[in-house]
Amino acid sequence: MNASSPAPKEHTTGKTSATIAAQKKLIAALIFALLAVLLLLIIVLVKVAQKSNIAQRITTSTKPNVNPKKEYENPFNKKTQYINPFSDYKNPFDNLE
């Protein structure tokens, strides 16, 4: 090489360690701010739910009282309801009355 030719330039991204550290701090601050906003949103939703007594209405709901129109009896023979697993299979529908 002669003295008049320029030295080859290295390929750099232009980011120094200071700018990388600043970017990391910015990302950490944004994540922290996002979590803080999310926490505030949850607190507000809980307060609104407490004011409207939604939780109390859910836990104190009454059970429906529906009576069947007809009582059904078991159509199977009581002697054949239990099936012994060690015996031959018995079809419960064979003994329908």
N, C-alpha and C. Protein backbone atom coordinates (compact mmCIF):
# COMPACT_ATOMS: atom_id res chain seq x y z
N MET A 1 0.83 -1.19 0.00
CA MET A 1 0.00 0.00 0.00
C MET A 1 0.87 1.25 0.00
N ASN A 2 0.42 2.19 -0.73
CA ASN A 2 1.18 3.44 -0.68
C ASN A 2 0.47 4.41 0.25
N ALA A 3 1.07 5.44 0.61
CA ALA A 3 0.60 6.39 1.61
C ALA A 3 -0.61 7.18 1.12
N SER A 4 -0.82 7.27 -0.18
CA SER A 4 -1.93 8.07 -0.68
C SER A 4 -3.26 7.30 -0.68
N SER A 5 -3.25 5.98 -0.63
CA SER A 5 -4.50 5.22 -0.65
C SER A 5 -5.10 5.17 0.76
N PRO A 6 -6.42 5.29 0.81
CA PRO A 6 -7.04 5.30 2.16
C PRO A 6 -7.04 3.88 2.75
N ALA A 7 -7.02 3.82 4.05
CA ALA A 7 -7.03 2.54 4.74
C ALA A 7 -8.43 1.94 4.64
N PRO A 8 -8.55 0.62 4.50
CA PRO A 8 -9.89 0.01 4.41
C PRO A 8 -10.68 0.24 5.70
N LYS A 9 -11.97 0.59 5.52
CA LYS A 9 -12.83 0.86 6.69
C LYS A 9 -13.47 -0.45 7.15
N GLU A 10 -13.58 -0.59 8.44
CA GLU A 10 -14.23 -1.75 9.00
C GLU A 10 -15.74 -1.53 8.98
N HIS A 11 -16.50 -2.60 8.80
CA HIS A 11 -17.96 -2.50 8.78
C HIS A 11 -18.46 -2.49 10.22
N THR A 12 -19.05 -1.39 10.62
CA THR A 12 -19.60 -1.28 11.98
C THR A 12 -21.06 -0.87 11.89
N THR A 13 -21.79 -1.18 12.90
CA THR A 13 -23.21 -0.81 12.92
C THR A 13 -23.39 0.60 13.47
N GLY A 14 -22.39 1.18 13.98
CA GLY A 14 -22.48 2.53 14.50
C GLY A 14 -22.97 2.58 15.94
N LYS A 15 -23.21 1.45 16.54
CA LYS A 15 -23.69 1.42 17.91
C LYS A 15 -22.51 1.19 18.84
N THR A 16 -22.40 2.04 19.80
CA THR A 16 -21.36 1.87 20.81
C THR A 16 -21.97 1.19 22.01
N SER A 17 -21.15 0.83 22.93
CA SER A 17 -21.65 0.16 24.13
C SER A 17 -22.54 1.09 24.95
N ALA A 18 -22.30 2.40 24.82
CA ALA A 18 -23.15 3.36 25.55
C ALA A 18 -24.55 3.41 24.96
N THR A 19 -24.67 3.36 23.64
CA THR A 19 -26.01 3.40 23.04
C THR A 19 -26.75 2.09 23.28
N ILE A 20 -26.03 0.99 23.29
CA ILE A 20 -26.67 -0.30 23.58
C ILE A 20 -27.18 -0.32 25.02
N ALA A 21 -26.40 0.19 25.95
CA ALA A 21 -26.83 0.25 27.35
C ALA A 21 -28.04 1.18 27.49
N ALA A 22 -28.04 2.29 26.75
CA ALA A 22 -29.18 3.22 26.81
C ALA A 22 -30.44 2.57 26.25
N GLN A 23 -30.30 1.78 25.18
CA GLN A 23 -31.45 1.08 24.62
C GLN A 23 -31.99 0.04 25.59
N LYS A 24 -31.11 -0.66 26.27
CA LYS A 24 -31.55 -1.65 27.26
C LYS A 24 -32.29 -0.98 28.41
N LYS A 25 -31.78 0.19 28.85
CA LYS A 25 -32.46 0.91 29.93
C LYS A 25 -33.83 1.40 29.47
N LEU A 26 -33.93 1.83 28.23
CA LEU A 26 -35.20 2.30 27.70
C LEU A 26 -36.21 1.15 27.62
N ILE A 27 -35.76 -0.01 27.16
CA ILE A 27 -36.65 -1.17 27.07
C ILE A 27 -37.11 -1.59 28.47
N ALA A 28 -36.20 -1.58 29.44
CA ALA A 28 -36.56 -1.94 30.81
C ALA A 28 -37.57 -0.94 31.38
N ALA A 29 -37.38 0.34 31.09
CA ALA A 29 -38.31 1.36 31.59
C ALA A 29 -39.68 1.20 30.94
N LEU A 30 -39.73 0.87 29.66
CA LEU A 30 -41.01 0.66 28.98
C LEU A 30 -41.74 -0.56 29.55
N ILE A 31 -41.02 -1.62 29.80
CA ILE A 31 -41.63 -2.82 30.39
C ILE A 31 -42.17 -2.50 31.79
N PHE A 32 -41.39 -1.77 32.57
CA PHE A 32 -41.83 -1.39 33.91
C PHE A 32 -43.08 -0.51 33.85
N ALA A 33 -43.12 0.43 32.92
CA ALA A 33 -44.28 1.30 32.77
C ALA A 33 -45.51 0.49 32.35
N LEU A 34 -45.33 -0.45 31.46
CA LEU A 34 -46.43 -1.30 31.01
C LEU A 34 -46.98 -2.14 32.16
N LEU A 35 -46.10 -2.70 32.97
CA LEU A 35 -46.55 -3.47 34.13
C LEU A 35 -47.27 -2.60 35.14
N ALA A 36 -46.80 -1.38 35.34
CA ALA A 36 -47.45 -0.46 36.28
C ALA A 36 -48.85 -0.11 35.79
N VAL A 37 -49.01 0.15 34.50
CA VAL A 37 -50.33 0.46 33.95
C VAL A 37 -51.25 -0.74 34.08
N LEU A 38 -50.75 -1.92 33.83
CA LEU A 38 -51.54 -3.13 33.97
C LEU A 38 -51.99 -3.34 35.42
N LEU A 39 -51.10 -3.09 36.37
CA LEU A 39 -51.44 -3.21 37.78
C LEU A 39 -52.52 -2.20 38.17
N LEU A 40 -52.40 -0.97 37.70
CA LEU A 40 -53.42 0.04 37.98
C LEU A 40 -54.77 -0.35 37.38
N LEU A 41 -54.76 -0.91 36.19
CA LEU A 41 -56.00 -1.35 35.56
C LEU A 41 -56.67 -2.45 36.37
N ILE A 42 -55.89 -3.39 36.87
CA ILE A 42 -56.45 -4.47 37.69
C ILE A 42 -57.04 -3.90 38.98
N ILE A 43 -56.34 -2.97 39.60
CA ILE A 43 -56.84 -2.37 40.84
C ILE A 43 -58.15 -1.64 40.59
N VAL A 44 -58.24 -0.90 39.49
CA VAL A 44 -59.47 -0.17 39.18
C VAL A 44 -60.61 -1.15 38.92
N LEU A 45 -60.36 -2.23 38.19
CA LEU A 45 -61.41 -3.21 37.93
C LEU A 45 -61.89 -3.88 39.21
N VAL A 46 -61.00 -4.16 40.13
CA VAL A 46 -61.39 -4.76 41.40
C VAL A 46 -62.25 -3.79 42.21
N LYS A 47 -61.87 -2.52 42.24
CA LYS A 47 -62.65 -1.52 42.97
C LYS A 47 -64.04 -1.37 42.37
N VAL A 48 -64.14 -1.36 41.05
CA VAL A 48 -65.44 -1.24 40.39
C VAL A 48 -66.30 -2.47 40.69
N ALA A 49 -65.69 -3.64 40.69
CA ALA A 49 -66.44 -4.86 40.99
C ALA A 49 -66.93 -4.86 42.43
N GLN A 50 -66.13 -4.32 43.35
CA GLN A 50 -66.55 -4.25 44.75
C GLN A 50 -67.70 -3.27 44.93
N LYS A 51 -67.68 -2.17 44.21
CA LYS A 51 -68.75 -1.18 44.34
C LYS A 51 -70.07 -1.72 43.80
N SER A 52 -70.01 -2.49 42.76
CA SER A 52 -71.25 -2.98 42.17
C SER A 52 -71.71 -4.30 42.79
N ASN A 53 -70.98 -4.81 43.76
CA ASN A 53 -71.32 -6.03 44.48
C ASN A 53 -71.51 -7.23 43.55
N ILE A 54 -70.74 -7.29 42.49
CA ILE A 54 -70.85 -8.41 41.56
C ILE A 54 -70.47 -9.71 42.25
N ALA A 55 -69.41 -9.68 43.02
CA ALA A 55 -68.95 -10.90 43.69
C ALA A 55 -70.01 -11.39 44.68
N GLN A 56 -70.65 -10.48 45.39
CA GLN A 56 -71.66 -10.88 46.36
C GLN A 56 -72.88 -11.46 45.66
N ARG A 57 -73.27 -10.88 44.53
CA ARG A 57 -74.41 -11.40 43.80
C ARG A 57 -74.14 -12.78 43.23
N ILE A 58 -72.91 -13.02 42.85
CA ILE A 58 -72.57 -14.33 42.29
C ILE A 58 -72.59 -15.40 43.39
N THR A 59 -72.03 -15.08 44.55
CA THR A 59 -71.94 -16.08 45.61
C THR A 59 -73.26 -16.30 46.33
N THR A 60 -74.18 -15.35 46.29
CA THR A 60 -75.45 -15.50 47.00
C THR A 60 -76.60 -15.80 46.05
N SER A 61 -76.31 -16.31 44.89
CA SER A 61 -77.39 -16.62 43.96
C SER A 61 -78.21 -17.79 44.49
N THR A 62 -79.48 -17.79 44.19
CA THR A 62 -80.35 -18.85 44.68
C THR A 62 -80.38 -19.99 43.68
N LYS A 63 -80.59 -21.19 44.22
CA LYS A 63 -80.67 -22.36 43.36
C LYS A 63 -82.07 -22.45 42.76
N PRO A 64 -82.19 -22.86 41.54
CA PRO A 64 -83.53 -23.00 40.96
C PRO A 64 -84.28 -24.15 41.63
N ASN A 65 -85.56 -23.95 41.81
CA ASN A 65 -86.38 -24.97 42.45
C ASN A 65 -87.33 -25.54 41.39
N VAL A 66 -86.92 -26.64 40.79
CA VAL A 66 -87.72 -27.27 39.74
C VAL A 66 -88.06 -28.67 40.20
N ASN A 67 -89.33 -28.97 40.30
CA ASN A 67 -89.76 -30.30 40.69
C ASN A 67 -90.06 -31.12 39.44
N PRO A 68 -89.64 -32.38 39.44
CA PRO A 68 -89.96 -33.21 38.27
C PRO A 68 -91.46 -33.49 38.22
N LYS A 69 -91.97 -33.61 37.01
CA LYS A 69 -93.39 -33.86 36.83
C LYS A 69 -93.76 -35.29 37.20
N LYS A 70 -92.81 -36.20 37.04
CA LYS A 70 -93.10 -37.60 37.30
C LYS A 70 -91.87 -38.25 37.89
N GLU A 71 -92.08 -39.10 38.85
CA GLU A 71 -90.98 -39.87 39.42
C GLU A 71 -90.81 -41.14 38.60
N TYR A 72 -89.61 -41.36 38.15
CA TYR A 72 -89.33 -42.55 37.35
C TYR A 72 -88.72 -43.62 38.22
N GLU A 73 -89.14 -44.83 38.02
CA GLU A 73 -88.57 -45.94 38.76
C GLU A 73 -87.53 -46.64 37.91
N ASN A 74 -86.67 -47.35 38.57
CA ASN A 74 -85.61 -48.07 37.90
C ASN A 74 -86.22 -49.22 37.09
N PRO A 75 -86.01 -49.27 35.77
CA PRO A 75 -86.62 -50.32 34.96
C PRO A 75 -85.87 -51.65 35.01
N PHE A 76 -84.75 -51.68 35.68
CA PHE A 76 -83.94 -52.89 35.69
C PHE A 76 -84.26 -53.77 36.90
N ASN A 77 -84.03 -55.04 36.74
CA ASN A 77 -84.20 -55.99 37.83
C ASN A 77 -83.08 -55.75 38.83
N LYS A 78 -83.44 -55.59 40.11
CA LYS A 78 -82.43 -55.26 41.12
C LYS A 78 -81.41 -56.38 41.30
N LYS A 79 -81.79 -57.60 41.00
CA LYS A 79 -80.86 -58.72 41.16
C LYS A 79 -79.73 -58.67 40.13
N THR A 80 -80.00 -58.07 38.99
CA THR A 80 -78.99 -58.06 37.93
C THR A 80 -78.31 -56.70 37.77
N GLN A 81 -78.52 -55.77 38.70
CA GLN A 81 -77.90 -54.45 38.55
C GLN A 81 -76.39 -54.51 38.77
N TYR A 82 -75.96 -55.29 39.72
CA TYR A 82 -74.53 -55.42 39.96
C TYR A 82 -73.96 -56.47 39.03
N ILE A 83 -72.92 -56.13 38.34
CA ILE A 83 -72.27 -57.07 37.44
C ILE A 83 -70.93 -57.45 38.04
N ASN A 84 -70.76 -58.71 38.32
CA ASN A 84 -69.52 -59.21 38.87
C ASN A 84 -68.46 -59.18 37.75
N PRO A 85 -67.37 -58.53 37.97
CA PRO A 85 -66.36 -58.46 36.91
C PRO A 85 -65.70 -59.80 36.61
N PHE A 86 -65.82 -60.76 37.53
CA PHE A 86 -65.19 -62.05 37.32
C PHE A 86 -66.13 -63.07 36.69
N SER A 87 -67.39 -62.69 36.51
CA SER A 87 -68.33 -63.62 35.89
C SER A 87 -68.57 -63.20 34.44
N ASP A 88 -69.35 -64.01 33.74
CA ASP A 88 -69.69 -63.66 32.36
C ASP A 88 -70.54 -62.39 32.35
N TYR A 89 -70.42 -61.63 31.28
CA TYR A 89 -71.15 -60.37 31.18
C TYR A 89 -72.64 -60.63 31.07
N LYS A 90 -73.42 -59.86 31.83
CA LYS A 90 -74.87 -59.96 31.76
C LYS A 90 -75.40 -58.64 31.24
N ASN A 91 -76.18 -58.68 30.21
CA ASN A 91 -76.77 -57.48 29.64
C ASN A 91 -77.97 -57.06 30.48
N PRO A 92 -77.97 -55.87 31.08
CA PRO A 92 -79.09 -55.47 31.92
C PRO A 92 -80.39 -55.25 31.14
N PHE A 93 -80.30 -55.09 29.85
CA PHE A 93 -81.50 -54.87 29.05
C PHE A 93 -82.25 -56.18 28.77
N ASP A 94 -81.61 -57.30 29.02
CA ASP A 94 -82.27 -58.59 28.80
C ASP A 94 -83.41 -58.81 29.79
N ASN A 95 -83.31 -58.24 30.97
CA ASN A 95 -84.27 -58.50 32.04
C ASN A 95 -85.29 -57.38 32.21
N LEU A 96 -85.48 -56.57 31.19
CA LEU A 96 -86.48 -55.50 31.29
C LEU A 96 -87.87 -56.09 31.41
N GLU A 97 -88.69 -55.47 32.22
CA GLU A 97 -90.05 -55.98 32.39
C GLU A 97 -91.00 -55.27 31.48
